[in-house]
Amino acid sequence: MKDRYLHKAKRADNGEWVHGYYAVIGGREVIIKNQEEKYYAVDEGKNSRGNEIVLIRPATLCQCTGLKSENGNLIWENDIVTLPTEEDFFIICWDKDDAKFCIENNSITADFDNYWGWQTEVIGNKFDNPELLEEA
């Protein structure tokens, strides 16, 4: 799997994170685990390759930046991060006007391209750790 094409979201049934490919099937937003979809049987919830199709909470959908943090973990949209040259926390966001990832907090927005992923430490995300954003 190419990391930059991955998405994650919380499962609709139990709220746990699921990673894979994002799709809209039959009007429902899902994550397809394992590999790209070729065929899907809506009534059975299965496809020709045996991938797991998971209904998600669309408000929690996050795209992968394709970069890894200093700990070797993937960095996702909506992650809360620290940077070596800054004291504040930042959130990874997608700038749809310029089609690129950026970082922002209450006082600044900057291109994520200005930082190397390995310089970034992920300390949480806005869904599981909203209290971190209150401190920023």
N, C-alpha and C. Protein backbone atom coordinates (compact mmCIF):
# COMPACT_ATOMS: atom_id res chain seq x y z
N MET A 1 0.84 -1.19 0.00
CA MET A 1 0.00 0.00 0.00
C MET A 1 0.88 1.24 0.00
N LYS A 2 0.48 2.19 -0.78
CA LYS A 2 1.15 3.48 -0.76
C LYS A 2 0.56 4.29 0.39
N ASP A 3 1.39 4.68 1.33
CA ASP A 3 0.91 5.38 2.52
C ASP A 3 0.12 6.64 2.20
N ARG A 4 0.55 7.38 1.20
CA ARG A 4 -0.10 8.66 0.92
C ARG A 4 -1.54 8.50 0.43
N TYR A 5 -1.93 7.30 0.02
CA TYR A 5 -3.30 7.06 -0.42
C TYR A 5 -4.18 6.51 0.70
N LEU A 6 -3.61 6.30 1.85
CA LEU A 6 -4.36 5.76 2.98
C LEU A 6 -5.21 6.83 3.66
N HIS A 7 -6.28 6.36 4.26
CA HIS A 7 -7.12 7.19 5.11
C HIS A 7 -7.38 6.42 6.40
N LYS A 8 -7.80 7.14 7.41
CA LYS A 8 -8.25 6.49 8.64
C LYS A 8 -9.48 7.23 9.12
N ALA A 9 -10.28 6.52 9.87
CA ALA A 9 -11.48 7.11 10.46
C ALA A 9 -11.93 6.20 11.59
N LYS A 10 -12.84 6.71 12.40
CA LYS A 10 -13.39 5.88 13.47
C LYS A 10 -14.54 5.07 12.91
N ARG A 11 -14.58 3.81 13.32
CA ARG A 11 -15.65 2.90 12.90
C ARG A 11 -17.00 3.42 13.41
N ALA A 12 -18.04 3.25 12.61
CA ALA A 12 -19.38 3.68 13.01
C ALA A 12 -19.93 2.82 14.14
N ASP A 13 -19.53 1.53 14.18
CA ASP A 13 -20.11 0.62 15.17
C ASP A 13 -19.50 0.73 16.55
N ASN A 14 -18.17 0.91 16.64
CA ASN A 14 -17.57 0.91 17.98
C ASN A 14 -16.59 2.06 18.24
N GLY A 15 -16.37 2.93 17.25
CA GLY A 15 -15.51 4.09 17.46
C GLY A 15 -14.02 3.82 17.41
N GLU A 16 -13.60 2.60 17.11
CA GLU A 16 -12.17 2.29 16.99
C GLU A 16 -11.65 2.79 15.64
N TRP A 17 -10.36 3.14 15.61
CA TRP A 17 -9.74 3.60 14.37
C TRP A 17 -9.57 2.45 13.39
N VAL A 18 -9.81 2.73 12.11
CA VAL A 18 -9.59 1.76 11.04
C VAL A 18 -8.82 2.48 9.93
N HIS A 19 -7.85 1.77 9.32
CA HIS A 19 -7.00 2.33 8.26
C HIS A 19 -7.23 1.58 6.96
N GLY A 20 -7.15 2.29 5.87
CA GLY A 20 -7.28 1.66 4.56
C GLY A 20 -7.62 2.68 3.50
N TYR A 21 -8.39 2.25 2.50
CA TYR A 21 -8.78 3.12 1.40
C TYR A 21 -10.19 3.65 1.64
N TYR A 22 -10.38 4.94 1.41
CA TYR A 22 -11.68 5.58 1.59
C TYR A 22 -12.51 5.40 0.33
N ALA A 23 -13.81 5.16 0.50
CA ALA A 23 -14.72 5.04 -0.63
C ALA A 23 -16.14 5.38 -0.18
N VAL A 24 -16.96 5.72 -1.15
CA VAL A 24 -18.39 5.88 -0.92
C VAL A 24 -19.07 4.80 -1.74
N ILE A 25 -19.73 3.88 -1.06
CA ILE A 25 -20.37 2.73 -1.71
C ILE A 25 -21.84 2.72 -1.32
N GLY A 26 -22.68 2.79 -2.32
CA GLY A 26 -24.12 2.79 -2.03
C GLY A 26 -24.54 3.95 -1.15
N GLY A 27 -23.86 5.08 -1.29
CA GLY A 27 -24.18 6.26 -0.48
C GLY A 27 -23.61 6.22 0.93
N ARG A 28 -22.90 5.16 1.26
CA ARG A 28 -22.31 5.03 2.60
C ARG A 28 -20.80 5.24 2.52
N GLU A 29 -20.26 6.00 3.47
CA GLU A 29 -18.82 6.24 3.52
C GLU A 29 -18.16 5.10 4.28
N VAL A 30 -17.12 4.54 3.67
CA VAL A 30 -16.46 3.36 4.24
C VAL A 30 -14.95 3.46 4.10
N ILE A 31 -14.28 2.64 4.88
CA ILE A 31 -12.85 2.37 4.70
C ILE A 31 -12.75 0.92 4.24
N ILE A 32 -11.98 0.71 3.18
CA ILE A 32 -11.74 -0.63 2.67
C ILE A 32 -10.35 -1.04 3.15
N LYS A 33 -10.31 -2.05 4.00
CA LYS A 33 -9.05 -2.51 4.56
C LYS A 33 -8.32 -3.42 3.58
N ASN A 34 -7.02 -3.37 3.55
CA ASN A 34 -6.10 -4.26 2.84
C ASN A 34 -5.71 -3.81 1.43
N GLN A 35 -6.63 -3.72 0.48
CA GLN A 35 -6.25 -3.37 -0.89
C GLN A 35 -7.40 -2.68 -1.60
N GLU A 36 -7.11 -2.09 -2.76
CA GLU A 36 -8.13 -1.38 -3.51
C GLU A 36 -9.27 -2.30 -3.91
N GLU A 37 -10.43 -1.72 -4.00
CA GLU A 37 -11.65 -2.47 -4.27
C GLU A 37 -11.82 -2.77 -5.76
N LYS A 38 -12.29 -3.95 -6.09
CA LYS A 38 -12.61 -4.32 -7.47
C LYS A 38 -14.10 -4.63 -7.63
N TYR A 39 -14.70 -5.22 -6.62
CA TYR A 39 -16.10 -5.62 -6.68
C TYR A 39 -16.67 -5.61 -5.28
N TYR A 40 -17.90 -5.15 -5.13
CA TYR A 40 -18.50 -5.09 -3.80
C TYR A 40 -19.95 -5.54 -3.86
N ALA A 41 -20.33 -6.45 -2.97
CA ALA A 41 -21.71 -6.91 -2.85
C ALA A 41 -22.32 -6.20 -1.65
N VAL A 42 -23.18 -5.22 -1.92
CA VAL A 42 -23.74 -4.37 -0.86
C VAL A 42 -24.48 -5.19 0.19
N ASP A 43 -25.29 -6.15 -0.24
CA ASP A 43 -26.09 -6.93 0.71
C ASP A 43 -25.23 -7.81 1.61
N GLU A 44 -24.09 -8.27 1.12
CA GLU A 44 -23.23 -9.16 1.90
C GLU A 44 -22.14 -8.43 2.66
N GLY A 45 -21.84 -7.18 2.26
CA GLY A 45 -20.75 -6.44 2.90
C GLY A 45 -19.39 -7.02 2.59
N LYS A 46 -19.26 -7.71 1.44
CA LYS A 46 -17.99 -8.33 1.04
C LYS A 46 -17.69 -7.99 -0.40
N ASN A 47 -16.49 -8.32 -0.82
CA ASN A 47 -16.10 -8.07 -2.20
C ASN A 47 -15.31 -9.25 -2.74
N SER A 48 -14.88 -9.14 -3.98
CA SER A 48 -14.22 -10.26 -4.64
C SER A 48 -12.85 -10.59 -4.06
N ARG A 49 -12.21 -9.69 -3.39
CA ARG A 49 -10.88 -9.93 -2.86
C ARG A 49 -10.88 -10.23 -1.36
N GLY A 50 -12.01 -10.24 -0.74
CA GLY A 50 -12.07 -10.55 0.68
C GLY A 50 -11.71 -9.41 1.60
N ASN A 51 -11.63 -8.20 1.06
CA ASN A 51 -11.35 -7.05 1.89
C ASN A 51 -12.47 -6.81 2.89
N GLU A 52 -12.14 -6.22 4.01
CA GLU A 52 -13.17 -5.86 4.97
C GLU A 52 -13.66 -4.45 4.65
N ILE A 53 -14.96 -4.29 4.54
CA ILE A 53 -15.58 -3.00 4.28
C ILE A 53 -16.15 -2.50 5.60
N VAL A 54 -15.69 -1.35 6.06
CA VAL A 54 -16.07 -0.85 7.38
C VAL A 54 -16.78 0.49 7.26
N LEU A 55 -18.00 0.57 7.76
CA LEU A 55 -18.70 1.85 7.82
C LEU A 55 -17.98 2.76 8.81
N ILE A 56 -17.86 4.04 8.46
CA ILE A 56 -17.11 4.97 9.30
C ILE A 56 -17.96 6.15 9.74
N ARG A 57 -17.42 6.88 10.72
CA ARG A 57 -17.98 8.17 11.12
C ARG A 57 -17.29 9.22 10.24
N PRO A 58 -17.96 9.74 9.22
CA PRO A 58 -17.32 10.62 8.24
C PRO A 58 -16.63 11.84 8.84
N ALA A 59 -17.11 12.36 9.94
CA ALA A 59 -16.50 13.54 10.56
C ALA A 59 -15.09 13.26 11.06
N THR A 60 -14.72 11.99 11.21
CA THR A 60 -13.39 11.64 11.72
C THR A 60 -12.41 11.23 10.62
N LEU A 61 -12.80 11.36 9.36
CA LEU A 61 -11.95 10.95 8.25
C LEU A 61 -10.67 11.76 8.19
N CYS A 62 -9.53 11.08 8.09
CA CYS A 62 -8.21 11.72 8.02
C CYS A 62 -7.41 11.10 6.88
N GLN A 63 -6.73 11.95 6.12
CA GLN A 63 -5.87 11.48 5.04
C GLN A 63 -4.43 11.40 5.55
N CYS A 64 -3.70 10.41 5.06
CA CYS A 64 -2.28 10.26 5.42
C CYS A 64 -1.45 11.27 4.65
N THR A 65 -0.47 11.87 5.31
CA THR A 65 0.43 12.82 4.63
C THR A 65 1.48 12.09 3.80
N GLY A 66 1.68 10.81 4.07
CA GLY A 66 2.72 10.05 3.40
C GLY A 66 4.07 10.16 4.10
N LEU A 67 4.12 10.94 5.18
CA LEU A 67 5.36 11.13 5.94
C LEU A 67 5.28 10.39 7.26
N LYS A 68 6.45 10.11 7.82
CA LYS A 68 6.52 9.47 9.12
C LYS A 68 7.16 10.40 10.13
N SER A 69 6.71 10.28 11.37
CA SER A 69 7.22 11.12 12.47
C SER A 69 8.59 10.64 12.91
N GLU A 70 9.14 11.34 13.89
CA GLU A 70 10.45 10.97 14.43
C GLU A 70 10.43 9.57 15.05
N ASN A 71 9.24 9.09 15.42
CA ASN A 71 9.11 7.75 15.99
C ASN A 71 8.80 6.69 14.94
N GLY A 72 8.76 7.10 13.65
CA GLY A 72 8.49 6.17 12.57
C GLY A 72 7.02 5.89 12.32
N ASN A 73 6.13 6.64 12.97
CA ASN A 73 4.69 6.47 12.78
C ASN A 73 4.19 7.40 11.67
N LEU A 74 3.18 6.95 10.94
CA LEU A 74 2.60 7.78 9.90
C LEU A 74 1.99 9.05 10.50
N ILE A 75 2.07 10.15 9.76
CA ILE A 75 1.48 11.42 10.17
C ILE A 75 0.20 11.61 9.36
N TRP A 76 -0.89 11.92 10.07
CA TRP A 76 -2.21 12.02 9.46
C TRP A 76 -2.76 13.43 9.60
N GLU A 77 -3.64 13.80 8.68
CA GLU A 77 -4.44 15.00 8.82
C GLU A 77 -5.14 14.92 10.18
N ASN A 78 -5.26 16.03 10.86
CA ASN A 78 -5.89 16.16 12.19
C ASN A 78 -5.01 15.66 13.33
N ASP A 79 -3.78 15.25 13.05
CA ASP A 79 -2.84 14.92 14.13
C ASP A 79 -2.39 16.20 14.81
N ILE A 80 -2.13 16.10 16.10
CA ILE A 80 -1.56 17.20 16.87
C ILE A 80 -0.08 16.89 17.02
N VAL A 81 0.76 17.88 16.65
CA VAL A 81 2.20 17.64 16.60
C VAL A 81 2.96 18.74 17.32
N THR A 82 4.21 18.41 17.67
CA THR A 82 5.16 19.41 18.13
C THR A 82 6.29 19.47 17.11
N LEU A 83 6.92 20.63 17.04
CA LEU A 83 8.02 20.85 16.10
C LEU A 83 9.25 21.29 16.88
N PRO A 84 10.44 20.96 16.39
CA PRO A 84 11.65 21.26 17.17
C PRO A 84 11.91 22.75 17.36
N THR A 85 11.42 23.59 16.46
CA THR A 85 11.70 25.02 16.55
C THR A 85 10.57 25.83 17.20
N GLU A 86 9.51 25.15 17.62
CA GLU A 86 8.35 25.84 18.17
C GLU A 86 7.98 25.26 19.53
N GLU A 87 7.38 26.07 20.38
CA GLU A 87 6.94 25.59 21.69
C GLU A 87 5.48 25.18 21.69
N ASP A 88 4.69 25.69 20.78
CA ASP A 88 3.26 25.41 20.73
C ASP A 88 2.97 24.08 20.05
N PHE A 89 1.74 23.61 20.24
CA PHE A 89 1.23 22.45 19.51
C PHE A 89 0.63 22.93 18.20
N PHE A 90 0.69 22.09 17.19
CA PHE A 90 0.10 22.39 15.89
C PHE A 90 -0.78 21.23 15.46
N ILE A 91 -1.73 21.52 14.58
CA ILE A 91 -2.57 20.48 14.02
C ILE A 91 -2.28 20.40 12.51
N ILE A 92 -2.21 19.18 12.01
CA ILE A 92 -2.00 18.96 10.58
C ILE A 92 -3.35 19.14 9.89
N CYS A 93 -3.41 19.98 8.87
CA CYS A 93 -4.66 20.22 8.17
C CYS A 93 -4.43 20.20 6.66
N TRP A 94 -5.51 20.07 5.93
CA TRP A 94 -5.45 20.05 4.47
C TRP A 94 -5.95 21.40 3.96
N ASP A 95 -5.13 22.08 3.16
CA ASP A 95 -5.49 23.35 2.55
C ASP A 95 -6.03 23.04 1.16
N LYS A 96 -7.36 23.00 1.01
CA LYS A 96 -7.93 22.59 -0.27
C LYS A 96 -7.75 23.64 -1.35
N ASP A 97 -7.55 24.91 -0.98
CA ASP A 97 -7.32 25.94 -1.99
C ASP A 97 -5.98 25.74 -2.70
N ASP A 98 -4.95 25.36 -1.92
CA ASP A 98 -3.62 25.15 -2.49
C ASP A 98 -3.28 23.67 -2.66
N ALA A 99 -4.20 22.78 -2.29
CA ALA A 99 -4.02 21.33 -2.42
C ALA A 99 -2.71 20.86 -1.78
N LYS A 100 -2.57 21.17 -0.48
CA LYS A 100 -1.38 20.74 0.25
C LYS A 100 -1.68 20.68 1.75
N PHE A 101 -0.83 19.96 2.46
CA PHE A 101 -0.95 19.89 3.91
C PHE A 101 -0.30 21.12 4.52
N CYS A 102 -0.88 21.58 5.64
CA CYS A 102 -0.30 22.69 6.38
C CYS A 102 -0.37 22.37 7.86
N ILE A 103 0.26 23.21 8.65
CA ILE A 103 0.16 23.10 10.10
C ILE A 103 -0.41 24.41 10.61
N GLU A 104 -1.21 24.32 11.66
CA GLU A 104 -1.78 25.56 12.19
C GLU A 104 -2.03 25.43 13.68
N ASN A 105 -2.08 26.59 14.32
CA ASN A 105 -2.55 26.70 15.69
C ASN A 105 -3.30 28.01 15.79
N ASN A 106 -3.52 28.51 16.97
CA ASN A 106 -4.31 29.74 17.12
C ASN A 106 -3.64 30.96 16.52
N SER A 107 -2.32 30.95 16.36
CA SER A 107 -1.63 32.16 15.94
C SER A 107 -0.93 32.06 14.58
N ILE A 108 -0.78 30.87 14.02
CA ILE A 108 0.00 30.75 12.79
C ILE A 108 -0.50 29.60 11.93
N THR A 109 -0.38 29.78 10.62
CA THR A 109 -0.59 28.70 9.65
C THR A 109 0.65 28.68 8.76
N ALA A 110 1.22 27.51 8.56
CA ALA A 110 2.44 27.39 7.75
C ALA A 110 2.36 26.15 6.88
N ASP A 111 3.11 26.15 5.80
CA ASP A 111 3.20 24.97 4.94
C ASP A 111 3.86 23.83 5.70
N PHE A 112 3.26 22.66 5.63
CA PHE A 112 3.87 21.49 6.25
C PHE A 112 5.13 21.11 5.48
N ASP A 113 5.24 21.55 4.22
CA ASP A 113 6.43 21.29 3.42
C ASP A 113 7.69 21.91 4.01
N ASN A 114 7.51 22.90 4.89
CA ASN A 114 8.67 23.56 5.51
C ASN A 114 9.33 22.70 6.58
N TYR A 115 8.71 21.58 6.92
CA TYR A 115 9.22 20.72 7.98
C TYR A 115 9.41 19.31 7.45
N TRP A 116 10.39 18.63 7.97
CA TRP A 116 10.58 17.22 7.65
C TRP A 116 9.76 16.40 8.61
N GLY A 117 9.14 15.34 8.12
CA GLY A 117 8.34 14.49 8.98
C GLY A 117 9.12 13.97 10.17
N TRP A 118 10.38 13.61 9.96
CA TRP A 118 11.16 13.05 11.05
C TRP A 118 11.48 14.07 12.13
N GLN A 119 11.21 15.35 11.86
CA GLN A 119 11.38 16.39 12.89
C GLN A 119 10.11 16.59 13.71
N THR A 120 9.06 15.92 13.31
CA THR A 120 7.74 16.12 13.89
C THR A 120 7.41 15.01 14.87
N GLU A 121 6.91 15.39 16.03
CA GLU A 121 6.46 14.39 17.00
C GLU A 121 4.94 14.47 17.11
N VAL A 122 4.28 13.37 16.83
CA VAL A 122 2.82 13.30 16.96
C VAL A 122 2.50 13.01 18.43
N ILE A 123 1.67 13.87 19.02
CA ILE A 123 1.33 13.70 20.43
C ILE A 123 -0.14 13.35 20.64
N GLY A 124 -0.89 13.28 19.54
CA GLY A 124 -2.31 12.95 19.64
C GLY A 124 -3.03 13.37 18.38
N ASN A 125 -4.36 13.43 18.46
CA ASN A 125 -5.16 13.93 17.36
C ASN A 125 -6.35 14.69 17.92
N LYS A 126 -7.00 15.48 17.08
CA LYS A 126 -8.05 16.38 17.57
C LYS A 126 -9.30 15.65 18.04
N PHE A 127 -9.47 14.38 17.66
CA PHE A 127 -10.65 13.63 18.07
C PHE A 127 -10.46 12.96 19.42
N ASP A 128 -9.28 12.40 19.65
CA ASP A 128 -9.01 11.69 20.90
C ASP A 128 -8.41 12.59 21.98
N ASN A 129 -7.79 13.71 21.58
CA ASN A 129 -7.09 14.57 22.52
C ASN A 129 -7.43 16.05 22.33
N PRO A 130 -8.70 16.43 22.34
CA PRO A 130 -9.06 17.83 22.09
C PRO A 130 -8.50 18.79 23.15
N GLU A 131 -8.22 18.27 24.32
CA GLU A 131 -7.67 19.12 25.39
C GLU A 131 -6.31 19.70 25.03
N LEU A 132 -5.56 19.01 24.16
CA LEU A 132 -4.25 19.53 23.73
C LEU A 132 -4.40 20.80 22.90
N LEU A 133 -5.47 20.90 22.14
CA LEU A 133 -5.71 22.09 21.33
C LEU A 133 -6.08 23.30 22.17
N GLU A 134 -6.68 23.06 23.32
CA GLU A 134 -7.04 24.15 24.22
C GLU A 134 -5.79 24.80 24.79
N GLU A 135 -4.70 24.03 24.89
CA GLU A 135 -3.46 24.55 25.43
C GLU A 135 -2.67 25.33 24.38
N ALA A 136 -2.94 25.04 23.09
CA ALA A 136 -2.17 25.67 22.00
C ALA A 136 -2.48 27.16 21.88
